[in-house]
Amino acid sequence: MNKCLNGFFKACRDDMEYQLSEEAFAESCEANNYEFLSNGTLFN
C-alpha cells in the first residue's frame, strides 16, 4: 500500500514541477497562440 501511495505522490510532485517549468509555459503559449511584447505584456 505504501509503495502505491509513494508512487502516486511522486507522480503528482513530478507533474507539478513540470507544470511550473519554463518548458510547460512555452508549450502552453505555443498551443494557445499566445504572443508577448518585449515588456512581457500579452499581445492581443
Protein backbone atom coordinates (compact mmCIF):
# COMPACT_ATOMS: atom_id res chain seq x y z
CA MET A 1 0.00 0.00 0.00
CA ASN A 2 2.79 2.45 0.92
CA LYS A 3 4.59 1.71 -2.35
CA CYS A 4 1.43 2.56 -4.28
CA LEU A 5 0.87 5.80 -2.37
CA ASN A 6 4.52 6.81 -2.70
CA GLY A 7 4.30 6.25 -6.45
CA PHE A 8 1.13 8.34 -6.67
CA PHE A 9 2.61 11.24 -4.70
CA LYS A 10 5.83 11.12 -6.72
CA ALA A 11 3.81 11.33 -9.94
CA CYS A 12 1.85 14.28 -8.52
CA ARG A 13 5.06 16.05 -7.46
CA ASP A 14 6.72 15.41 -10.83
CA ASP A 15 3.67 16.73 -12.68
CA MET A 16 3.54 19.86 -10.53
CA GLU A 17 7.23 20.54 -11.13
CA TYR A 18 6.65 20.20 -14.88
CA GLN A 19 3.58 22.47 -14.83
CA LEU A 20 5.70 25.19 -13.19
CA SER A 21 8.59 24.81 -15.65
CA GLU A 22 9.52 27.15 -18.49
CA GLU A 23 9.07 24.23 -20.89
CA ALA A 24 5.42 23.79 -19.92
CA PHE A 25 4.84 27.55 -20.14
CA ALA A 26 6.37 27.69 -23.63
CA GLU A 27 4.31 24.71 -24.81
CA SER A 28 1.12 26.24 -23.43
CA CYS A 29 1.82 29.59 -25.11
CA GLU A 30 2.52 27.90 -28.43
CA ALA A 31 -0.56 25.67 -28.21
CA ASN A 32 -2.78 28.69 -27.46
CA ASN A 33 -1.07 31.05 -29.92
CA TYR A 34 -0.13 33.49 -27.15
CA GLU A 35 2.33 36.20 -28.16
CA PHE A 36 4.01 38.74 -25.91
CA LEU A 37 5.50 42.18 -26.35
CA SER A 38 9.13 42.76 -25.35
CA ASN A 39 7.97 44.08 -21.95
CA GLY A 40 6.09 40.83 -21.24
CA THR A 41 2.58 42.15 -21.93
CA LEU A 42 0.27 39.71 -23.71
CA PHE A 43 -0.19 40.77 -27.33
CA ASN A 44 -3.82 40.67 -28.50
